[in-house]
Amino acid sequence: LQVIEALAALGQPLRRYTIVDLSGSLRERQRATLAA
């Protein structure tokens, strides 16, 4: 969240931010945190 928003503020928007995480429970928490 911090990196995506800071990159946008720096004028460096991303095409894609890929997360590699094997934990299903953490993935769900990530989806909620990064919903925007």
PDB file of all heavy atoms in Angstrom:
ATOM      1  N   LEU A   1       0.828  -1.203   0.000  1.00  0.00           N
ATOM      2  CA  LEU A   1       0.000   0.000   0.000  1.00  0.00           C
ATOM      3  C   LEU A   1       0.862   1.252   0.000  1.00  0.00           C
ATOM      4  O   LEU A   1       0.623   2.192  -0.770  1.00  0.00           O
ATOM      5  CB  LEU A   1      -0.919  -0.009   1.220  1.00  0.00           C
ATOM      6  CG  LEU A   1      -1.864   1.186   1.368  1.00  0.00           C
ATOM      7  CD1 LEU A   1      -2.871   1.230   0.227  1.00  0.00           C
ATOM      8  CD2 LEU A   1      -2.578   1.132   2.716  1.00  0.00           C
ATOM      9  N   GLN A   2       1.869   1.259   0.859  1.00  0.00           N
ATOM     10  CA  GLN A   2       2.743   2.429   0.947  1.00  0.00           C
ATOM     11  C   GLN A   2       3.493   2.668  -0.349  1.00  0.00           C
ATOM     12  O   GLN A   2       3.606   3.804  -0.823  1.00  0.00           O
ATOM     13  CB  GLN A   2       3.725   2.246   2.111  1.00  0.00           C
ATOM     14  CG  GLN A   2       3.070   2.233   3.478  1.00  0.00           C
ATOM     15  CD  GLN A   2       3.940   1.635   4.561  1.00  0.00           C
ATOM     16  OE1 GLN A   2       5.149   1.469   4.382  1.00  0.00           O
ATOM     17  NE2 GLN A   2       3.347   1.274   5.690  1.00  0.00           N
ATOM     18  N   VAL A   3       4.013   1.614  -0.959  1.00  0.00           N
ATOM     19  CA  VAL A   3       4.797   1.750  -2.182  1.00  0.00           C
ATOM     20  C   VAL A   3       3.917   2.186  -3.350  1.00  0.00           C
ATOM     21  O   VAL A   3       4.270   3.099  -4.112  1.00  0.00           O
ATOM     22  CB  VAL A   3       5.532   0.439  -2.504  1.00  0.00           C
ATOM     23  CG1 VAL A   3       6.154   0.478  -3.893  1.00  0.00           C
ATOM     24  CG2 VAL A   3       6.622   0.176  -1.457  1.00  0.00           C
ATOM     25  N   ILE A   4       2.763   1.569  -3.505  1.00  0.00           N
ATOM     26  CA  ILE A   4       1.868   1.927  -4.608  1.00  0.00           C
ATOM     27  C   ILE A   4       1.459   3.390  -4.519  1.00  0.00           C
ATOM     28  O   ILE A   4       1.508   4.133  -5.518  1.00  0.00           O
ATOM     29  CB  ILE A   4       0.626   1.011  -4.609  1.00  0.00           C
ATOM     30  CG1 ILE A   4       1.018  -0.414  -5.003  1.00  0.00           C
ATOM     31  CG2 ILE A   4      -0.442   1.545  -5.564  1.00  0.00           C
ATOM     32  CD1 ILE A   4      -0.092  -1.434  -4.794  1.00  0.00           C
ATOM     33  N   GLU A   5       1.049   3.831  -3.340  1.00  0.00           N
ATOM     34  CA  GLU A   5       0.588   5.218  -3.194  1.00  0.00           C
ATOM     35  C   GLU A   5       1.736   6.206  -3.328  1.00  0.00           C
ATOM     36  O   GLU A   5       1.574   7.279  -3.928  1.00  0.00           O
ATOM     37  CB  GLU A   5      -0.136   5.373  -1.862  1.00  0.00           C
ATOM     38  CG  GLU A   5      -1.439   4.569  -1.820  1.00  0.00           C
ATOM     39  CD  GLU A   5      -2.261   4.794  -0.570  1.00  0.00           C
ATOM     40  OE1 GLU A   5      -1.709   5.361   0.415  1.00  0.00           O
ATOM     41  OE2 GLU A   5      -3.447   4.411  -0.568  1.00  0.00           O
ATOM     42  N   ALA A   6       2.911   5.845  -2.804  1.00  0.00           N
ATOM     43  CA  ALA A   6       4.051   6.757  -2.914  1.00  0.00           C
ATOM     44  C   ALA A   6       4.536   6.858  -4.353  1.00  0.00           C
ATOM     45  O   ALA A   6       4.926   7.945  -4.810  1.00  0.00           O
ATOM     46  CB  ALA A   6       5.186   6.299  -1.998  1.00  0.00           C
ATOM     47  N   LEU A   7       4.526   5.763  -5.087  1.00  0.00           N
ATOM     48  CA  LEU A   7       4.929   5.812  -6.494  1.00  0.00           C
ATOM     49  C   LEU A   7       3.988   6.697  -7.298  1.00  0.00           C
ATOM     50  O   LEU A   7       4.428   7.463  -8.169  1.00  0.00           O
ATOM     51  CB  LEU A   7       4.959   4.404  -7.088  1.00  0.00           C
ATOM     52  CG  LEU A   7       6.115   3.499  -6.659  1.00  0.00           C
ATOM     53  CD1 LEU A   7       5.926   2.095  -7.225  1.00  0.00           C
ATOM     54  CD2 LEU A   7       7.460   4.065  -7.097  1.00  0.00           C
ATOM     55  N   ALA A   8       2.702   6.608  -7.010  1.00  0.00           N
ATOM     56  CA  ALA A   8       1.741   7.482  -7.707  1.00  0.00           C
ATOM     57  C   ALA A   8       2.027   8.942  -7.405  1.00  0.00           C
ATOM     58  O   ALA A   8       1.998   9.803  -8.302  1.00  0.00           O
ATOM     59  CB  ALA A   8       0.322   7.100  -7.300  1.00  0.00           C
ATOM     60  N   ALA A   9       2.345   9.245  -6.135  1.00  0.00           N
ATOM     61  CA  ALA A   9       2.656  10.625  -5.754  1.00  0.00           C
ATOM     62  C   ALA A   9       3.941  11.117  -6.402  1.00  0.00           C
ATOM     63  O   ALA A   9       4.104  12.321  -6.647  1.00  0.00           O
ATOM     64  CB  ALA A   9       2.758  10.726  -4.228  1.00  0.00           C
ATOM     65  N   LEU A  10       4.860  10.185  -6.696  1.00  0.00           N
ATOM     66  CA  LEU A  10       6.126  10.540  -7.341  1.00  0.00           C
ATOM     67  C   LEU A  10       6.008  10.606  -8.862  1.00  0.00           C
ATOM     68  O   LEU A  10       6.994  10.847  -9.547  1.00  0.00           O
ATOM     69  CB  LEU A  10       7.201   9.513  -6.961  1.00  0.00           C
ATOM     70  CG  LEU A  10       7.668   9.519  -5.502  1.00  0.00           C
ATOM     71  CD1 LEU A  10       8.487   8.270  -5.193  1.00  0.00           C
ATOM     72  CD2 LEU A  10       8.471  10.778  -5.197  1.00  0.00           C
ATOM     73  N   GLY A  11       4.818  10.371  -9.376  1.00  0.00           N
ATOM     74  CA  GLY A  11       4.633  10.397 -10.823  1.00  0.00           C
ATOM     75  C   GLY A  11       5.186   9.181 -11.518  1.00  0.00           C
ATOM     76  O   GLY A  11       5.563   9.229 -12.690  1.00  0.00           O
ATOM     77  N   GLN A  12       5.231   8.035 -10.800  1.00  0.00           N
ATOM     78  CA  GLN A  12       5.767   6.788 -11.355  1.00  0.00           C
ATOM     79  C   GLN A  12       4.707   5.694 -11.187  1.00  0.00           C
ATOM     80  O   GLN A  12       4.893   4.731 -10.454  1.00  0.00           O
ATOM     81  CB  GLN A  12       7.059   6.396 -10.625  1.00  0.00           C
ATOM     82  CG  GLN A  12       7.781   5.190 -11.193  1.00  0.00           C
ATOM     83  CD  GLN A  12       8.667   5.526 -12.363  1.00  0.00           C
ATOM     84  OE1 GLN A  12       9.374   6.520 -12.330  1.00  0.00           O
ATOM     85  NE2 GLN A  12       8.613   4.711 -13.400  1.00  0.00           N
ATOM     86  N   PRO A  13       3.571   5.810 -11.834  1.00  0.00           N
ATOM     87  CA  PRO A  13       2.517   4.802 -11.676  1.00  0.00           C
ATOM     88  C   PRO A  13       2.947   3.455 -12.227  1.00  0.00           C
ATOM     89  O   PRO A  13       3.783   3.372 -13.127  1.00  0.00           O
ATOM     90  CB  PRO A  13       1.350   5.383 -12.475  1.00  0.00           C
ATOM     91  CG  PRO A  13       2.000   6.273 -13.486  1.00  0.00           C
ATOM     92  CD  PRO A  13       3.221   6.842 -12.813  1.00  0.00           C
ATOM     93  N   LEU A  14       2.355   2.413 -11.674  1.00  0.00           N
ATOM     94  CA  LEU A  14       2.716   1.044 -12.045  1.00  0.00           C
ATOM     95  C   LEU A  14       1.704   0.453 -13.013  1.00  0.00           C
ATOM     96  O   LEU A  14       0.512   0.732 -12.932  1.00  0.00           O
ATOM     97  CB  LEU A  14       2.753   0.163 -10.797  1.00  0.00           C
ATOM     98  CG  LEU A  14       3.887   0.388  -9.810  1.00  0.00           C
ATOM     99  CD1 LEU A  14       3.618  -0.408  -8.541  1.00  0.00           C
ATOM    100  CD2 LEU A  14       5.216  -0.024 -10.422  1.00  0.00           C
ATOM    101  N   ARG A  15       2.197  -0.411 -13.882  1.00  0.00           N
ATOM    102  CA  ARG A  15       1.298  -1.222 -14.693  1.00  0.00           C
ATOM    103  C   ARG A  15       0.728  -2.355 -13.848  1.00  0.00           C
ATOM    104  O   ARG A  15      -0.455  -2.688 -13.953  1.00  0.00           O
ATOM    105  CB  ARG A  15       2.041  -1.784 -15.906  1.00  0.00           C
ATOM    106  CG  ARG A  15       1.166  -2.687 -16.798  1.00  0.00           C
ATOM    107  CD  ARG A  15       1.955  -3.214 -17.975  1.00  0.00           C
ATOM    108  NE  ARG A  15       3.105  -4.017 -17.556  1.00  0.00           N
ATOM    109  CZ  ARG A  15       3.019  -5.319 -17.278  1.00  0.00           C
ATOM    110  NH1 ARG A  15       1.864  -5.953 -17.350  1.00  0.00           N
ATOM    111  NH2 ARG A  15       4.102  -5.983 -16.922  1.00  0.00           N
ATOM    112  N   ARG A  16       1.578  -2.939 -12.997  1.00  0.00           N
ATOM    113  CA  ARG A  16       1.112  -4.051 -12.174  1.00  0.00           C
ATOM    114  C   ARG A  16       2.000  -4.191 -10.938  1.00  0.00           C
ATOM    115  O   ARG A  16       3.195  -3.940 -10.994  1.00  0.00           O
ATOM    116  CB  ARG A  16       1.123  -5.359 -12.979  1.00  0.00           C
ATOM    117  CG  ARG A  16       0.439  -6.507 -12.260  1.00  0.00           C
ATOM    118  CD  ARG A  16       0.075  -7.640 -13.208  1.00  0.00           C
ATOM    119  NE  ARG A  16       1.247  -8.275 -13.785  1.00  0.00           N
ATOM    120  CZ  ARG A  16       1.182  -9.375 -14.544  1.00  0.00           C
ATOM    121  NH1 ARG A  16       0.021  -9.909 -14.852  1.00  0.00           N
ATOM    122  NH2 ARG A  16       2.289  -9.908 -15.018  1.00  0.00           N
ATOM    123  N   TYR A  17       1.356  -4.583  -9.832  1.00  0.00           N
ATOM    124  CA  TYR A  17       2.057  -4.898  -8.588  1.00  0.00           C
ATOM    125  C   TYR A  17       1.692  -6.342  -8.258  1.00  0.00           C
ATOM    126  O   TYR A  17       0.547  -6.651  -7.944  1.00  0.00           O
ATOM    127  CB  TYR A  17       1.610  -3.964  -7.463  1.00  0.00           C
ATOM    128  CG  TYR A  17       2.494  -3.985  -6.229  1.00  0.00           C
ATOM    129  CD1 TYR A  17       3.334  -2.903  -5.949  1.00  0.00           C
ATOM    130  CD2 TYR A  17       2.498  -5.048  -5.339  1.00  0.00           C
ATOM    131  CE1 TYR A  17       4.136  -2.890  -4.820  1.00  0.00           C
ATOM    132  CE2 TYR A  17       3.297  -5.053  -4.213  1.00  0.00           C
ATOM    133  CZ  TYR A  17       4.119  -3.967  -3.957  1.00  0.00           C
ATOM    134  OH  TYR A  17       4.926  -3.960  -2.830  1.00  0.00           O
ATOM    135  N   THR A  18       2.671  -7.233  -8.368  1.00  0.00           N
ATOM    136  CA  THR A  18       2.424  -8.661  -8.182  1.00  0.00           C
ATOM    137  C   THR A  18       2.941  -9.100  -6.821  1.00  0.00           C
ATOM    138  O   THR A  18       4.099  -8.830  -6.465  1.00  0.00           O
ATOM    139  CB  THR A  18       3.111  -9.479  -9.286  1.00  0.00           C
ATOM    140  OG1 THR A  18       2.565  -9.109 -10.555  1.00  0.00           O
ATOM    141  CG2 THR A  18       2.887 -10.966  -9.062  1.00  0.00           C
ATOM    142  N   ILE A  19       2.095  -9.776  -6.067  1.00  0.00           N
ATOM    143  CA  ILE A  19       2.465 -10.311  -4.761  1.00  0.00           C
ATOM    144  C   ILE A  19       2.600 -11.826  -4.872  1.00  0.00           C
ATOM    145  O   ILE A  19       1.702 -12.498  -5.380  1.00  0.00           O
ATOM    146  CB  ILE A  19       1.407  -9.950  -3.697  1.00  0.00           C
ATOM    147  CG1 ILE A  19       1.422  -8.435  -3.439  1.00  0.00           C
ATOM    148  CG2 ILE A  19       1.657 -10.720  -2.399  1.00  0.00           C
ATOM    149  CD1 ILE A  19       0.308  -7.965  -2.516  1.00  0.00           C
ATOM    150  N   VAL A  20       3.725 -12.340  -4.420  1.00  0.00           N
ATOM    151  CA  VAL A  20       3.939 -13.790  -4.353  1.00  0.00           C
ATOM    152  C   VAL A  20       3.848 -14.183  -2.886  1.00  0.00           C
ATOM    153  O   VAL A  20       4.725 -13.847  -2.086  1.00  0.00           O
ATOM    154  CB  VAL A  20       5.305 -14.187  -4.940  1.00  0.00           C
ATOM    155  CG1 VAL A  20       5.458 -15.710  -4.926  1.00  0.00           C
ATOM    156  CG2 VAL A  20       5.461 -13.650  -6.360  1.00  0.00           C
ATOM    157  N   ASP A  21       2.756 -14.844  -2.514  1.00  0.00           N
ATOM    158  CA  ASP A  21       2.527 -15.214  -1.118  1.00  0.00           C
ATOM    159  C   ASP A  21       1.713 -16.496  -1.096  1.00  0.00           C
ATOM    160  O   ASP A  21       0.637 -16.559  -1.702  1.00  0.00           O
ATOM    161  CB  ASP A  21       1.787 -14.103  -0.367  1.00  0.00           C
ATOM    162  CG  ASP A  21       2.035 -14.161   1.125  1.00  0.00           C
ATOM    163  OD1 ASP A  21       1.975 -15.271   1.692  1.00  0.00           O
ATOM    164  OD2 ASP A  21       2.289 -13.110   1.728  1.00  0.00           O
ATOM    165  N   LEU A  22       2.195 -17.519  -0.411  1.00  0.00           N
ATOM    166  CA  LEU A  22       1.538 -18.820  -0.391  1.00  0.00           C
ATOM    167  C   LEU A  22       0.437 -18.920   0.658  1.00  0.00           C
ATOM    168  O   LEU A  22      -0.332 -19.876   0.652  1.00  0.00           O
ATOM    169  CB  LEU A  22       2.574 -19.925  -0.143  1.00  0.00           C
ATOM    170  CG  LEU A  22       3.704 -20.023  -1.164  1.00  0.00           C
ATOM    171  CD1 LEU A  22       4.649 -21.167  -0.800  1.00  0.00           C
ATOM    172  CD2 LEU A  22       3.161 -20.206  -2.567  1.00  0.00           C
ATOM    173  N   SER A  23       0.346 -17.935   1.559  1.00  0.00           N
ATOM    174  CA  SER A  23      -0.620 -17.997   2.650  1.00  0.00           C
ATOM    175  C   SER A  23      -1.979 -17.470   2.203  1.00  0.00           C
ATOM    176  O   SER A  23      -2.128 -16.292   1.865  1.00  0.00           O
ATOM    177  CB  SER A  23      -0.120 -17.173   3.844  1.00  0.00           C
ATOM    178  OG  SER A  23      -1.142 -17.039   4.815  1.00  0.00           O
ATOM    179  N   GLY A  24      -2.972 -18.342   2.216  1.00  0.00           N
ATOM    180  CA  GLY A  24      -4.312 -17.908   1.840  1.00  0.00           C
ATOM    181  C   GLY A  24      -4.877 -16.875   2.786  1.00  0.00           C
ATOM    182  O   GLY A  24      -5.533 -15.915   2.356  1.00  0.00           O
ATOM    183  N   SER A  25      -4.647 -17.033   4.098  1.00  0.00           N
ATOM    184  CA  SER A  25      -5.175 -16.071   5.065  1.00  0.00           C
ATOM    185  C   SER A  25      -4.528 -14.707   4.896  1.00  0.00           C
ATOM    186  O   SER A  25      -5.205 -13.669   5.004  1.00  0.00           O
ATOM    187  CB  SER A  25      -4.966 -16.589   6.489  1.00  0.00           C
ATOM    188  OG  SER A  25      -3.584 -16.757   6.784  1.00  0.00           O
ATOM    189  N   LEU A  26      -3.220 -14.676   4.612  1.00  0.00           N
ATOM    190  CA  LEU A  26      -2.561 -13.396   4.401  1.00  0.00           C
ATOM    191  C   LEU A  26      -2.995 -12.762   3.087  1.00  0.00           C
ATOM    192  O   LEU A  26      -3.120 -11.537   2.985  1.00  0.00           O
ATOM    193  CB  LEU A  26      -1.044 -13.563   4.444  1.00  0.00           C
ATOM    194  CG  LEU A  26      -0.451 -13.822   5.831  1.00  0.00           C
ATOM    195  CD1 LEU A  26       1.051 -14.048   5.750  1.00  0.00           C
ATOM    196  CD2 LEU A  26      -0.771 -12.678   6.794  1.00  0.00           C
ATOM    197  N   ARG A  27      -3.253 -13.565   2.078  1.00  0.00           N
ATOM    198  CA  ARG A  27      -3.753 -13.024   0.816  1.00  0.00           C
ATOM    199  C   ARG A  27      -5.069 -12.276   1.038  1.00  0.00           C
ATOM    200  O   ARG A  27      -5.288 -11.209   0.471  1.00  0.00           O
ATOM    201  CB  ARG A  27      -3.968 -14.136  -0.204  1.00  0.00           C
ATOM    202  CG  ARG A  27      -2.715 -14.598  -0.931  1.00  0.00           C
ATOM    203  CD  ARG A  27      -3.111 -15.457  -2.110  1.00  0.00           C
ATOM    204  NE  ARG A  27      -1.953 -15.980  -2.824  1.00  0.00           N
ATOM    205  CZ  ARG A  27      -2.010 -16.477  -4.044  1.00  0.00           C
ATOM    206  NH1 ARG A  27      -3.162 -16.521  -4.681  1.00  0.00           N
ATOM    207  NH2 ARG A  27      -0.928 -16.945  -4.638  1.00  0.00           N
ATOM    208  N   GLU A  28      -5.968 -12.859   1.840  1.00  0.00           N
ATOM    209  CA  GLU A  28      -7.241 -12.199   2.093  1.00  0.00           C
ATOM    210  C   GLU A  28      -7.034 -10.880   2.827  1.00  0.00           C
ATOM    211  O   GLU A  28      -7.720  -9.889   2.544  1.00  0.00           O
ATOM    212  CB  GLU A  28      -8.158 -13.133   2.891  1.00  0.00           C
ATOM    213  CG  GLU A  28      -8.642 -14.331   2.101  1.00  0.00           C
ATOM    214  CD  GLU A  28      -9.240 -13.925   0.761  1.00  0.00           C
ATOM    215  OE1 GLU A  28     -10.147 -13.066   0.752  1.00  0.00           O
ATOM    216  OE2 GLU A  28      -8.793 -14.455  -0.278  1.00  0.00           O
ATOM    217  N   ARG A  29      -6.104 -10.864   3.761  1.00  0.00           N
ATOM    218  CA  ARG A  29      -5.819  -9.606   4.460  1.00  0.00           C
ATOM    219  C   ARG A  29      -5.223  -8.588   3.493  1.00  0.00           C
ATOM    220  O   ARG A  29      -5.546  -7.400   3.533  1.00  0.00           O
ATOM    221  CB  ARG A  29      -4.867  -9.859   5.624  1.00  0.00           C
ATOM    222  CG  ARG A  29      -4.606  -8.619   6.468  1.00  0.00           C
ATOM    223  CD  ARG A  29      -3.842  -8.948   7.734  1.00  0.00           C
ATOM    224  NE  ARG A  29      -3.574  -7.734   8.490  1.00  0.00           N
ATOM    225  CZ  ARG A  29      -2.865  -7.703   9.613  1.00  0.00           C
ATOM    226  NH1 ARG A  29      -2.387  -8.834  10.126  1.00  0.00           N
ATOM    227  NH2 ARG A  29      -2.640  -6.563  10.239  1.00  0.00           N
ATOM    228  N   GLN A  30      -4.366  -9.048   2.593  1.00  0.00           N
ATOM    229  CA  GLN A  30      -3.785  -8.147   1.597  1.00  0.00           C
ATOM    230  C   GLN A  30      -4.863  -7.571   0.677  1.00  0.00           C
ATOM    231  O   GLN A  30      -4.849  -6.388   0.354  1.00  0.00           O
ATOM    232  CB  GLN A  30      -2.730  -8.897   0.781  1.00  0.00           C
ATOM    233  CG  GLN A  30      -1.498  -9.295   1.571  1.00  0.00           C
ATOM    234  CD  GLN A  30      -0.756 -10.479   0.980  1.00  0.00           C
ATOM    235  OE1 GLN A  30      -1.008 -10.889  -0.158  1.00  0.00           O
ATOM    236  NE2 GLN A  30       0.162 -11.046   1.750  1.00  0.00           N
ATOM    237  N   ARG A  31      -5.794  -8.411   0.250  1.00  0.00           N
ATOM    238  CA  ARG A  31      -6.872  -7.928  -0.624  1.00  0.00           C
ATOM    239  C   ARG A  31      -7.675  -6.834   0.058  1.00  0.00           C
ATOM    240  O   ARG A  31      -8.059  -5.841  -0.578  1.00  0.00           O
ATOM    241  CB  ARG A  31      -7.792  -9.088  -1.011  1.00  0.00           C
ATOM    242  CG  ARG A  31      -7.173 -10.101  -1.946  1.00  0.00           C
ATOM    243  CD  ARG A  31      -8.192 -11.161  -2.350  1.00  0.00           C
ATOM    244  NE  ARG A  31      -7.546 -12.341  -2.883  1.00  0.00           N
ATOM    245  CZ  ARG A  31      -7.112 -12.470  -4.127  1.00  0.00           C
ATOM    246  NH1 ARG A  31      -7.251 -11.459  -4.970  1.00  0.00           N
ATOM    247  NH2 ARG A  31      -6.528 -13.589  -4.527  1.00  0.00           N
ATOM    248  N   ALA A  32      -7.945  -7.006   1.354  1.00  0.00           N
ATOM    249  CA  ALA A  32      -8.701  -5.988   2.085  1.00  0.00           C
ATOM    250  C   ALA A  32      -7.895  -4.700   2.217  1.00  0.00           C
ATOM    251  O   ALA A  32      -8.420  -3.598   2.001  1.00  0.00           O
ATOM    252  CB  ALA A  32      -9.087  -6.524   3.467  1.00  0.00           C
ATOM    253  N   THR A  33      -6.629  -4.817   2.564  1.00  0.00           N
ATOM    254  CA  THR A  33      -5.777  -3.638   2.731  1.00  0.00           C
ATOM    255  C   THR A  33      -5.635  -2.872   1.430  1.00  0.00           C
ATOM    256  O   THR A  33      -5.584  -1.636   1.421  1.00  0.00           O
ATOM    257  CB  THR A  33      -4.385  -4.060   3.230  1.00  0.00           C
ATOM    258  OG1 THR A  33      -4.518  -4.726   4.486  1.00  0.00           O
ATOM    259  CG2 THR A  33      -3.458  -2.862   3.398  1.00  0.00           C
ATOM    260  N   LEU A  34      -5.566  -3.593   0.314  1.00  0.00           N
ATOM    261  CA  LEU A  34      -5.234  -2.998  -0.980  1.00  0.00           C
ATOM    262  C   LEU A  34      -6.441  -2.865  -1.909  1.00  0.00           C
ATOM    263  O   LEU A  34      -6.280  -2.676  -3.114  1.00  0.00           O
ATOM    264  CB  LEU A  34      -4.161  -3.854  -1.657  1.00  0.00           C
ATOM    265  CG  LEU A  34      -2.829  -3.918  -0.905  1.00  0.00           C
ATOM    266  CD1 LEU A  34      -2.014  -5.123  -1.334  1.00  0.00           C
ATOM    267  CD2 LEU A  34      -2.048  -2.633  -1.118  1.00  0.00           C
ATOM    268  N   ALA A  35      -7.640  -2.931  -1.344  1.00  0.00           N
ATOM    269  CA  ALA A  35      -8.851  -2.933  -2.163  1.00  0.00           C
ATOM    270  C   ALA A  35      -8.930  -1.736  -3.105  1.00  0.00           C
ATOM    271  O   ALA A  35      -9.407  -1.852  -4.243  1.00  0.00           O
ATOM    272  CB  ALA A  35     -10.090  -2.972  -1.260  1.00  0.00           C
ATOM    273  N   ALA A  36      -8.441  -0.592  -2.672  1.00  0.00           N
ATOM    274  CA  ALA A  36      -8.527   0.616  -3.506  1.00  0.00           C
ATOM    275  C   ALA A  36      -7.607   0.544  -4.720  1.00  0.00           C
ATOM    276  O   ALA A  36      -7.740   1.366  -5.636  1.00  0.00           O
ATOM    277  CB  ALA A  36      -8.188   1.843  -2.667  1.00  0.00           C
TER     278      ALA A  36
END
